[in-house]
Amino acid sequence: MMENTMPVAVPGGSLEVRIGDGGRTGPTLVFVHYWGGSAGTWDEVIGHLPPGQPTVRFDQRGWGLSRELPGPYHLDRLADDLARVVEACVPGPFVLVGHSMGGKVSQLLAARGPAGLRGVVLVAPAPPEPPATVTEEYRRGLSHAYDSPESVRHALAHVLTATPLPETVLATAVRDSLAAGGEARREWPSHGIARDITGAVRDIAVPVTVLAGARDVVEPPDVLRAHLLPYIPHAALTTVPAVGHLLPLEAPGAVATALGDFLARLPGRL
């Protein structure tokens, strides 16, 4: 898919947003990457979408091409950035597609009820209610997952995935995980992952679907059933067999199929 880039002004600088628009009508898919990811995390998913599907993606504040943007890097600032991207780049209806940390950011923005929002697809999302397993000790360990290429490869092989990644995809994931400033890298394990946003997400009024990897040890399906579905009760949970936490990299075709099915079911779709 052909994409154009557009700078979007945000506090402290600008985001380089990649916009794919092949002329199809219908909602734009706005992709929000995980802690350690980038706009490129979605390459294979977008490659499996129908030609012409409108898309928007970018590196979140503190990561990749947005690494030099100043903090704070907390969830509300990330949601503010996402709102600016939508306002600047999406003229019509849109669907948020958030992975892991990006899923929590997407939940926060969806709860604000922005104009044009038609739905939310949460891919292995961090739930609004932090589970009891997110202890201070767990968060300390997590904060060191991306300290070095070796630690990143260990996290990718033994925690984040359940299926081997192609070497080119793995190398890109390692690069992305290291492409953050220290403060941005620490914010999620130090604060974001442990923040309770259950009060906000009760206000999400649009259709929501949740994709979970059957072998995800970061956000397992049972954790999402216990810590997300009670607060977004109209959400539908689908489990993708045999894969772990990095669904966009491990099962991009399944993610793309789920997105197509979700768009087809939206009320009043164009």
Protein backbone atom coordinates (compact mmCIF):
# COMPACT_ATOMS: atom_id res chain seq x y z
CA MET A 1 0.00 0.00 0.00
CA MET A 2 1.24 3.47 -0.87
CA GLU A 3 1.57 5.82 2.07
CA ASN A 4 2.21 9.52 2.47
CA THR A 5 3.76 11.11 5.54
CA MET A 6 2.38 14.16 7.30
CA PRO A 7 3.81 16.05 10.28
CA VAL A 8 1.29 16.61 13.05
CA ALA A 9 2.04 19.25 15.65
CA VAL A 10 1.92 18.07 19.26
CA PRO A 11 3.30 19.60 22.45
CA GLY A 12 7.07 19.84 22.12
CA GLY A 13 7.34 19.14 18.40
CA SER A 14 5.62 16.98 15.81
CA LEU A 15 4.80 13.39 14.94
CA GLU A 16 5.51 11.97 11.47
CA VAL A 17 2.28 10.20 10.60
CA ARG A 18 2.04 7.62 7.81
CA ILE A 19 -1.26 7.81 5.93
CA GLY A 20 -2.45 5.11 3.55
CA ASP A 21 -5.47 6.02 1.44
CA GLY A 22 -6.21 4.05 -1.67
CA GLY A 23 -9.61 5.53 -2.26
CA ARG A 24 -11.84 2.97 -0.52
CA THR A 25 -14.74 4.33 1.46
CA GLY A 26 -15.38 3.38 5.06
CA PRO A 27 -13.66 3.94 8.37
CA THR A 28 -9.93 4.61 8.61
CA LEU A 29 -7.97 2.15 10.76
CA VAL A 30 -5.80 4.10 13.23
CA PHE A 31 -3.02 1.86 14.59
CA VAL A 32 -1.41 2.37 18.01
CA HIS A 33 1.69 0.27 18.77
CA TYR A 34 2.89 -1.57 21.88
CA TRP A 35 5.59 -0.65 24.42
CA GLY A 36 8.69 -1.39 22.36
CA GLY A 37 6.98 -1.13 19.00
CA SER A 38 6.69 1.41 16.21
CA ALA A 39 4.53 2.26 13.23
CA GLY A 40 6.39 -0.59 11.52
CA THR A 41 4.91 -3.12 13.94
CA TRP A 42 1.83 -3.04 11.71
CA ASP A 43 3.60 -3.63 8.36
CA GLU A 44 2.47 -7.22 7.89
CA VAL A 45 -1.06 -6.57 9.15
CA ILE A 46 -1.50 -3.73 6.67
CA GLY A 47 -0.04 -5.93 3.95
CA HIS A 48 -2.89 -8.39 4.54
CA LEU A 49 -5.65 -5.75 4.35
CA PRO A 50 -7.72 -5.24 1.20
CA PRO A 51 -6.11 -2.82 -1.27
CA GLY A 52 -7.09 0.75 -0.59
CA GLN A 53 -8.10 0.34 3.04
CA PRO A 54 -7.46 3.76 4.67
CA THR A 55 -4.88 3.54 7.45
CA VAL A 56 -3.01 5.84 9.83
CA ARG A 57 0.03 4.92 11.97
CA PHE A 58 2.89 6.63 13.75
CA ASP A 59 5.64 6.18 16.33
CA GLN A 60 4.32 7.17 19.75
CA ARG A 61 6.01 9.90 21.76
CA GLY A 62 9.44 8.81 22.97
CA TRP A 63 9.79 5.94 20.45
CA GLY A 64 11.41 5.59 17.02
CA LEU A 65 11.07 8.73 14.91
CA SER A 66 9.30 10.38 17.86
CA ARG A 67 12.13 9.60 20.28
CA GLU A 68 13.22 13.22 20.65
CA LEU A 69 9.81 14.51 21.67
CA PRO A 70 9.93 15.64 25.30
CA GLY A 71 7.97 14.08 28.13
CA PRO A 72 5.88 13.52 30.01
CA TYR A 73 5.21 10.12 28.42
CA HIS A 74 2.24 9.09 30.56
CA LEU A 75 -0.95 7.58 29.15
CA ASP A 76 -2.92 10.82 29.09
CA ARG A 77 -0.24 12.57 27.02
CA LEU A 78 -0.12 9.61 24.64
CA ALA A 79 -3.91 9.73 24.32
CA ASP A 80 -3.70 13.50 23.69
CA ASP A 81 -1.17 12.82 20.91
CA LEU A 82 -3.45 10.18 19.41
CA ALA A 83 -6.37 12.61 19.48
CA ARG A 84 -4.27 15.19 17.61
CA VAL A 85 -3.32 12.61 14.97
CA VAL A 86 -6.97 11.71 14.44
CA GLU A 87 -8.05 15.36 14.23
CA ALA A 88 -5.32 16.19 11.71
CA CYS A 89 -5.30 13.08 9.54
CA VAL A 90 -8.74 11.45 9.61
CA PRO A 91 -11.51 13.49 7.95
CA GLY A 92 -14.26 10.93 8.51
CA PRO A 93 -15.14 7.86 10.58
CA PHE A 94 -12.35 5.79 12.14
CA VAL A 95 -11.61 2.69 14.19
CA LEU A 96 -8.84 2.60 16.79
CA VAL A 97 -6.59 -0.47 16.66
CA GLY A 98 -4.42 -0.58 19.78
CA HIS A 99 -1.89 -3.25 20.77
CA SER A 100 -0.85 -3.84 24.41
CA MET A 101 0.16 -0.40 25.79
CA GLY A 102 -1.39 1.07 22.64
CA GLY A 103 -4.58 -0.73 23.60
CA LYS A 104 -4.68 1.10 26.93
CA VAL A 105 -4.02 4.42 25.17
CA SER A 106 -6.84 3.59 22.74
CA GLN A 107 -9.22 2.80 25.60
CA LEU A 108 -8.54 6.19 27.14
CA LEU A 109 -9.20 8.06 23.91
CA ALA A 110 -12.30 6.00 23.13
CA ALA A 111 -13.68 6.85 26.56
CA ARG A 112 -13.55 10.54 25.61
CA GLY A 113 -15.99 9.85 22.77
CA PRO A 114 -14.15 11.64 19.96
CA ALA A 115 -16.16 12.66 16.90
CA GLY A 116 -16.01 10.06 14.16
CA LEU A 117 -15.10 7.09 16.36
CA ARG A 118 -16.99 4.03 15.12
CA GLY A 119 -15.28 1.23 17.01
CA VAL A 120 -12.22 -0.11 18.81
CA VAL A 121 -10.15 -3.24 18.18
CA LEU A 122 -7.93 -4.11 21.13
CA VAL A 123 -5.08 -6.48 20.26
CA ALA A 124 -3.64 -8.26 23.32
CA PRO A 125 -4.45 -5.09 25.25
CA ALA A 126 -3.31 -4.06 28.67
CA PRO A 127 -6.57 -4.28 30.62
CA PRO A 128 -8.09 -1.26 32.37
CA GLU A 129 -7.80 -2.97 35.75
CA PRO A 130 -4.21 -4.04 36.51
CA PRO A 131 -4.16 -7.69 37.60
CA ALA A 132 -2.61 -8.71 40.91
CA THR A 133 0.38 -10.11 39.02
CA VAL A 134 1.50 -6.55 38.19
CA THR A 135 3.50 -6.23 41.40
CA GLU A 136 6.28 -3.77 42.12
CA GLU A 137 8.77 -6.60 41.64
CA TYR A 138 7.25 -7.49 38.26
CA ARG A 139 7.40 -3.87 37.16
CA ARG A 140 11.05 -3.54 38.22
CA GLY A 141 11.95 -6.57 36.14
CA LEU A 142 9.94 -5.32 33.19
CA SER A 143 11.74 -1.97 33.27
CA HIS A 144 14.98 -3.77 32.32
CA ALA A 145 13.54 -5.87 29.47
CA TYR A 146 14.88 -3.48 26.83
CA ASP A 147 18.24 -2.63 28.38
CA SER A 148 20.32 -4.28 25.64
CA PRO A 149 19.98 -6.20 22.38
CA GLU A 150 20.50 -9.42 24.36
CA SER A 151 17.76 -8.63 26.87
CA VAL A 152 15.36 -7.66 24.08
CA ARG A 153 16.01 -10.91 22.19
CA HIS A 154 15.43 -12.86 25.41
CA ALA A 155 12.13 -11.05 26.04
CA LEU A 156 11.01 -11.61 22.46
CA ALA A 157 11.90 -15.30 22.45
CA HIS A 158 10.76 -16.29 25.96
CA VAL A 159 8.03 -13.84 26.97
CA LEU A 160 6.51 -11.87 24.12
CA THR A 161 6.08 -14.57 21.48
CA ALA A 162 4.96 -18.18 21.34
CA THR A 163 6.08 -18.76 17.75
CA PRO A 164 9.48 -18.01 16.21
CA LEU A 165 9.62 -14.77 14.26
CA PRO A 166 11.34 -14.55 10.88
CA GLU A 167 14.84 -13.16 11.37
CA THR A 168 14.07 -9.94 9.50
CA VAL A 169 10.98 -9.33 11.66
CA LEU A 170 12.93 -10.21 14.79
CA ALA A 171 15.74 -7.81 13.91
CA THR A 172 13.25 -5.00 13.36
CA ALA A 173 11.53 -5.73 16.69
CA VAL A 174 14.90 -5.61 18.48
CA ARG A 175 15.73 -2.29 16.83
CA ASP A 176 12.34 -0.83 17.72
CA SER A 177 12.59 -1.93 21.36
CA LEU A 178 15.93 -0.15 21.73
CA ALA A 179 14.78 3.01 19.92
CA ALA A 180 13.47 4.90 22.94
CA GLY A 181 14.74 7.43 25.39
CA GLY A 182 15.26 6.21 28.93
CA GLU A 183 12.35 8.15 30.39
CA ALA A 184 9.89 6.95 27.75
CA ARG A 185 11.10 3.37 28.15
CA ARG A 186 10.63 3.47 31.93
CA GLU A 187 7.24 5.21 32.03
CA TRP A 188 5.14 2.19 31.10
CA PRO A 189 6.56 -0.32 33.60
CA SER A 190 6.91 2.34 36.28
CA HIS A 191 3.41 3.81 36.03
CA GLY A 192 1.28 3.10 32.95
CA ILE A 193 0.90 -0.65 33.33
CA ALA A 194 -0.23 -0.23 36.96
CA ARG A 195 -2.72 2.58 36.35
CA ASP A 196 -6.38 1.73 36.90
CA ILE A 197 -8.54 3.28 34.18
CA THR A 198 -11.73 1.32 34.90
CA GLY A 199 -13.62 4.52 35.73
CA ALA A 200 -12.89 5.93 32.29
CA VAL A 201 -13.54 2.90 30.10
CA ARG A 202 -17.12 2.49 31.31
CA ASP A 203 -17.84 5.47 29.02
CA ILE A 204 -16.81 3.64 25.83
CA ALA A 205 -20.03 3.56 23.81
CA VAL A 206 -18.88 2.15 20.45
CA PRO A 207 -18.47 -1.52 19.44
CA VAL A 208 -15.30 -3.14 20.84
CA THR A 209 -13.61 -6.38 19.90
CA VAL A 210 -10.67 -7.88 21.76
CA LEU A 211 -8.10 -10.26 20.24
CA ALA A 212 -6.11 -12.44 22.63
CA GLY A 213 -3.29 -14.85 21.89
CA ALA A 214 -4.08 -18.30 23.25
CA ARG A 215 -0.48 -18.65 24.48
CA ASP A 216 0.02 -15.03 25.58
CA VAL A 217 1.75 -14.98 28.98
CA VAL A 218 1.69 -11.15 29.20
CA GLU A 219 -2.06 -10.58 28.81
CA PRO A 220 -3.58 -14.10 28.81
CA PRO A 221 -7.20 -14.55 27.75
CA ASP A 222 -8.29 -15.30 31.33
CA VAL A 223 -6.75 -12.01 32.52
CA LEU A 224 -8.68 -10.09 29.86
CA ARG A 225 -11.89 -11.90 30.81
CA ALA A 226 -11.40 -10.94 34.46
CA HIS A 227 -9.89 -7.47 34.16
CA LEU A 228 -11.29 -6.00 30.92
CA LEU A 229 -14.67 -7.51 30.05
CA PRO A 230 -16.37 -6.52 33.34
CA TYR A 231 -15.62 -2.86 32.57
CA ILE A 232 -16.37 -2.92 28.83
CA PRO A 233 -19.21 -5.46 28.98
CA HIS A 234 -20.27 -5.06 25.36
CA ALA A 235 -16.78 -6.06 24.15
CA ALA A 236 -16.42 -9.37 22.30
CA LEU A 237 -13.32 -11.47 23.03
CA THR A 238 -11.78 -13.72 20.37
CA THR A 239 -8.83 -16.00 21.06
CA VAL A 240 -6.26 -16.57 18.30
CA PRO A 241 -4.80 -20.09 18.58
CA ALA A 242 -1.14 -20.94 19.14
CA VAL A 243 0.28 -17.41 19.38
CA GLY A 244 1.61 -15.14 22.10
CA HIS A 245 1.54 -11.44 22.88
CA LEU A 246 2.89 -10.02 19.62
CA LEU A 247 -0.14 -10.83 17.48
CA PRO A 248 0.70 -8.22 14.80
CA LEU A 249 4.04 -9.98 14.23
CA GLU A 250 3.06 -13.60 14.96
CA ALA A 251 -0.35 -13.71 13.25
CA PRO A 252 -0.75 -10.65 11.03
CA GLY A 253 -3.15 -12.43 8.71
CA ALA A 254 -5.45 -13.34 11.59
CA VAL A 255 -5.38 -9.75 12.84
CA ALA A 256 -6.18 -8.40 9.37
CA THR A 257 -9.04 -10.88 8.98
CA ALA A 258 -10.44 -9.84 12.37
CA LEU A 259 -10.25 -6.18 11.34
CA GLY A 260 -12.12 -6.89 8.11
CA ASP A 261 -14.80 -8.83 9.98
CA PHE A 262 -15.14 -6.01 12.52
CA LEU A 263 -15.53 -3.36 9.83
CA ALA A 264 -18.14 -5.47 8.04
CA ARG A 265 -20.22 -5.72 11.23
CA LEU A 266 -20.18 -2.01 12.12
CA PRO A 267 -23.62 -0.41 12.22
CA GLY A 268 -24.26 2.00 9.39
CA ARG A 269 -20.98 1.13 7.67
CA LEU A 270 -20.31 2.91 4.42
